[in-house]
Amino acid sequence: MPTNATNTLYNRIYTLVRQIPPGRVATYGSIARLLGCTARTVGFAMAALPPGHDVPWQRVINSQGRVSPRTDGDGALVQRLLLEAEGVRFASRGRVDLGLFGWP
């Protein structure tokens, strides 16, 4: 079970991710640098989102500009489809141009 400190950090992560506008992406690392935590912590926070949340999780990708693979289900495909619906373009190798679509 997460501690109060973890919940507070996760809430700060969620607040920041909610600021990413449609059609833009941020990396786990860029979110982490802004908040003073690790990229892995940002990933754990995204994975811990409860059902029915309002956090645009799909807008957080890895430092290579790719959707990170998921171990369960079609999460990576769903993420890509959501991003494409927002206007984010993927290159032939599945990468997003962070210079063009990156936030902030």
C-alpha atoms as a PDB file:
ATOM      1  CA  MET A   1       0.000   0.000   0.000  1.00  0.00           C
ATOM      2  CA  PRO A   2       1.390   3.447  -0.912  1.00  0.00           C
ATOM      3  CA  THR A   3       2.510   5.757   1.857  1.00  0.00           C
ATOM      4  CA  ASN A   4       1.190   9.295   2.324  1.00  0.00           C
ATOM      5  CA  ALA A   5       4.439  10.631   0.853  1.00  0.00           C
ATOM      6  CA  THR A   6       3.993   8.408  -2.209  1.00  0.00           C
ATOM      7  CA  ASN A   7       0.366   9.521  -2.593  1.00  0.00           C
ATOM      8  CA  THR A   8       1.447  13.164  -2.376  1.00  0.00           C
ATOM      9  CA  LEU A   9       4.140  12.653  -5.020  1.00  0.00           C
ATOM     10  CA  TYR A  10       1.764  10.732  -7.273  1.00  0.00           C
ATOM     11  CA  ASN A  11      -0.772  13.554  -6.981  1.00  0.00           C
ATOM     12  CA  ARG A  12       1.914  16.068  -7.979  1.00  0.00           C
ATOM     13  CA  ILE A  13       2.751  13.875 -10.984  1.00  0.00           C
ATOM     14  CA  TYR A  14      -0.925  13.657 -11.960  1.00  0.00           C
ATOM     15  CA  THR A  15      -1.346  17.429 -11.627  1.00  0.00           C
ATOM     16  CA  LEU A  16       1.602  18.015 -13.943  1.00  0.00           C
ATOM     17  CA  VAL A  17       0.486  15.402 -16.496  1.00  0.00           C
ATOM     18  CA  ARG A  18      -2.956  17.047 -16.637  1.00  0.00           C
ATOM     19  CA  GLN A  19      -1.185  20.181 -17.921  1.00  0.00           C
ATOM     20  CA  ILE A  20       0.151  18.450 -21.050  1.00  0.00           C
ATOM     21  CA  PRO A  21      -2.059  19.747 -23.862  1.00  0.00           C
ATOM     22  CA  PRO A  22      -3.687  17.476 -26.439  1.00  0.00           C
ATOM     23  CA  GLY A  23      -1.336  16.730 -29.313  1.00  0.00           C
ATOM     24  CA  ARG A  24       1.772  17.033 -27.153  1.00  0.00           C
ATOM     25  CA  VAL A  25       3.800  14.487 -25.178  1.00  0.00           C
ATOM     26  CA  ALA A  26       6.234  14.509 -22.280  1.00  0.00           C
ATOM     27  CA  THR A  27       8.727  11.859 -21.295  1.00  0.00           C
ATOM     28  CA  TYR A  28       8.792  10.044 -17.992  1.00  0.00           C
ATOM     29  CA  GLY A  29      12.193  11.649 -17.435  1.00  0.00           C
ATOM     30  CA  SER A  30      11.069  15.200 -18.179  1.00  0.00           C
ATOM     31  CA  ILE A  31       8.183  14.883 -15.714  1.00  0.00           C
ATOM     32  CA  ALA A  32      10.607  13.418 -13.168  1.00  0.00           C
ATOM     33  CA  ARG A  33      13.110  16.265 -13.591  1.00  0.00           C
ATOM     34  CA  LEU A  34      10.401  18.864 -13.090  1.00  0.00           C
ATOM     35  CA  LEU A  35       9.285  17.210  -9.852  1.00  0.00           C
ATOM     36  CA  GLY A  36      12.595  15.960  -8.464  1.00  0.00           C
ATOM     37  CA  CYS A  37      11.859  12.258  -8.623  1.00  0.00           C
ATOM     38  CA  THR A  38      12.853   9.380 -10.908  1.00  0.00           C
ATOM     39  CA  ALA A  39      11.403   8.410 -14.276  1.00  0.00           C
ATOM     40  CA  ARG A  40      10.579   5.028 -12.793  1.00  0.00           C
ATOM     41  CA  THR A  41       8.469   6.725 -10.115  1.00  0.00           C
ATOM     42  CA  VAL A  42       6.524   8.534 -12.837  1.00  0.00           C
ATOM     43  CA  GLY A  43       5.951   5.175 -14.539  1.00  0.00           C
ATOM     44  CA  PHE A  44       4.737   3.641 -11.280  1.00  0.00           C
ATOM     45  CA  ALA A  45       2.357   6.579 -10.805  1.00  0.00           C
ATOM     46  CA  MET A  46       0.932   6.132 -14.305  1.00  0.00           C
ATOM     47  CA  ALA A  47       0.474   2.403 -13.669  1.00  0.00           C
ATOM     48  CA  ALA A  48      -1.302   3.137 -10.364  1.00  0.00           C
ATOM     49  CA  LEU A  49      -4.016   5.321 -11.883  1.00  0.00           C
ATOM     50  CA  PRO A  50      -7.432   4.260 -10.620  1.00  0.00           C
ATOM     51  CA  PRO A  51     -10.308   3.455 -12.974  1.00  0.00           C
ATOM     52  CA  GLY A  52     -12.281   6.494 -14.086  1.00  0.00           C
ATOM     53  CA  HIS A  53      -9.417   8.965 -13.606  1.00  0.00           C
ATOM     54  CA  ASP A  54      -9.010  12.160 -15.641  1.00  0.00           C
ATOM     55  CA  VAL A  55      -5.233  11.998 -16.131  1.00  0.00           C
ATOM     56  CA  PRO A  56      -4.178  11.929 -19.815  1.00  0.00           C
ATOM     57  CA  TRP A  57      -1.691   9.101 -19.215  1.00  0.00           C
ATOM     58  CA  GLN A  58      -1.282   8.505 -22.940  1.00  0.00           C
ATOM     59  CA  ARG A  59       0.707  11.738 -23.235  1.00  0.00           C
ATOM     60  CA  VAL A  60       3.650  10.328 -21.237  1.00  0.00           C
ATOM     61  CA  ILE A  61       6.133   8.331 -23.324  1.00  0.00           C
ATOM     62  CA  ASN A  62       9.704   7.109 -22.959  1.00  0.00           C
ATOM     63  CA  SER A  63      12.896   9.069 -23.625  1.00  0.00           C
ATOM     64  CA  GLN A  64      13.293   7.481 -27.062  1.00  0.00           C
ATOM     65  CA  GLY A  65      10.005   9.048 -28.127  1.00  0.00           C
ATOM     66  CA  ARG A  66       8.235   5.711 -28.079  1.00  0.00           C
ATOM     67  CA  VAL A  67       5.250   4.241 -26.337  1.00  0.00           C
ATOM     68  CA  SER A  68       6.588   1.901 -23.667  1.00  0.00           C
ATOM     69  CA  PRO A  69       5.577  -1.732 -24.059  1.00  0.00           C
ATOM     70  CA  ARG A  70       3.004  -3.059 -21.614  1.00  0.00           C
ATOM     71  CA  THR A  71       2.992  -6.544 -20.148  1.00  0.00           C
ATOM     72  CA  ASP A  72      -0.775  -6.848 -20.035  1.00  0.00           C
ATOM     73  CA  GLY A  73      -3.342  -6.307 -22.749  1.00  0.00           C
ATOM     74  CA  ASP A  74      -3.326  -3.800 -25.548  1.00  0.00           C
ATOM     75  CA  GLY A  75      -2.290  -0.748 -23.510  1.00  0.00           C
ATOM     76  CA  ALA A  76       0.518   0.263 -25.864  1.00  0.00           C
ATOM     77  CA  LEU A  77      -1.767   0.078 -28.896  1.00  0.00           C
ATOM     78  CA  VAL A  78      -4.475   2.044 -27.075  1.00  0.00           C
ATOM     79  CA  GLN A  79      -1.902   4.673 -26.111  1.00  0.00           C
ATOM     80  CA  ARG A  80      -0.700   5.056 -29.681  1.00  0.00           C
ATOM     81  CA  LEU A  81      -4.255   5.287 -31.028  1.00  0.00           C
ATOM     82  CA  LEU A  82      -5.171   7.936 -28.445  1.00  0.00           C
ATOM     83  CA  LEU A  83      -2.093   9.987 -29.331  1.00  0.00           C
ATOM     84  CA  GLU A  84      -2.734   9.686 -33.065  1.00  0.00           C
ATOM     85  CA  ALA A  85      -6.332  10.836 -32.490  1.00  0.00           C
ATOM     86  CA  GLU A  86      -4.872  13.966 -30.844  1.00  0.00           C
ATOM     87  CA  GLY A  87      -2.687  14.637 -33.882  1.00  0.00           C
ATOM     88  CA  VAL A  88       0.607  13.181 -32.633  1.00  0.00           C
ATOM     89  CA  ARG A  89       2.478  11.614 -35.539  1.00  0.00           C
ATOM     90  CA  PHE A  90       4.701   8.557 -35.300  1.00  0.00           C
ATOM     91  CA  ALA A  91       7.669   8.034 -37.617  1.00  0.00           C
ATOM     92  CA  SER A  92       8.095   4.728 -39.418  1.00  0.00           C
ATOM     93  CA  ARG A  93      10.039   3.263 -36.496  1.00  0.00           C
ATOM     94  CA  GLY A  94       7.324   4.127 -33.984  1.00  0.00           C
ATOM     95  CA  ARG A  95       8.985   7.252 -32.635  1.00  0.00           C
ATOM     96  CA  VAL A  96       7.475  10.627 -31.882  1.00  0.00           C
ATOM     97  CA  ASP A  97       9.558  13.673 -32.807  1.00  0.00           C
ATOM     98  CA  LEU A  98      10.058  15.185 -29.348  1.00  0.00           C
ATOM     99  CA  GLY A  99      11.279  18.413 -30.926  1.00  0.00           C
ATOM    100  CA  LEU A 100       7.941  18.814 -32.641  1.00  0.00           C
ATOM    101  CA  PHE A 101       5.493  17.222 -30.187  1.00  0.00           C
ATOM    102  CA  GLY A 102       7.413  17.446 -26.891  1.00  0.00           C
ATOM    103  CA  TRP A 103       6.157  19.395 -23.890  1.00  0.00           C
ATOM    104  CA  PRO A 104       7.142  21.625 -22.201  1.00  0.00           C
END
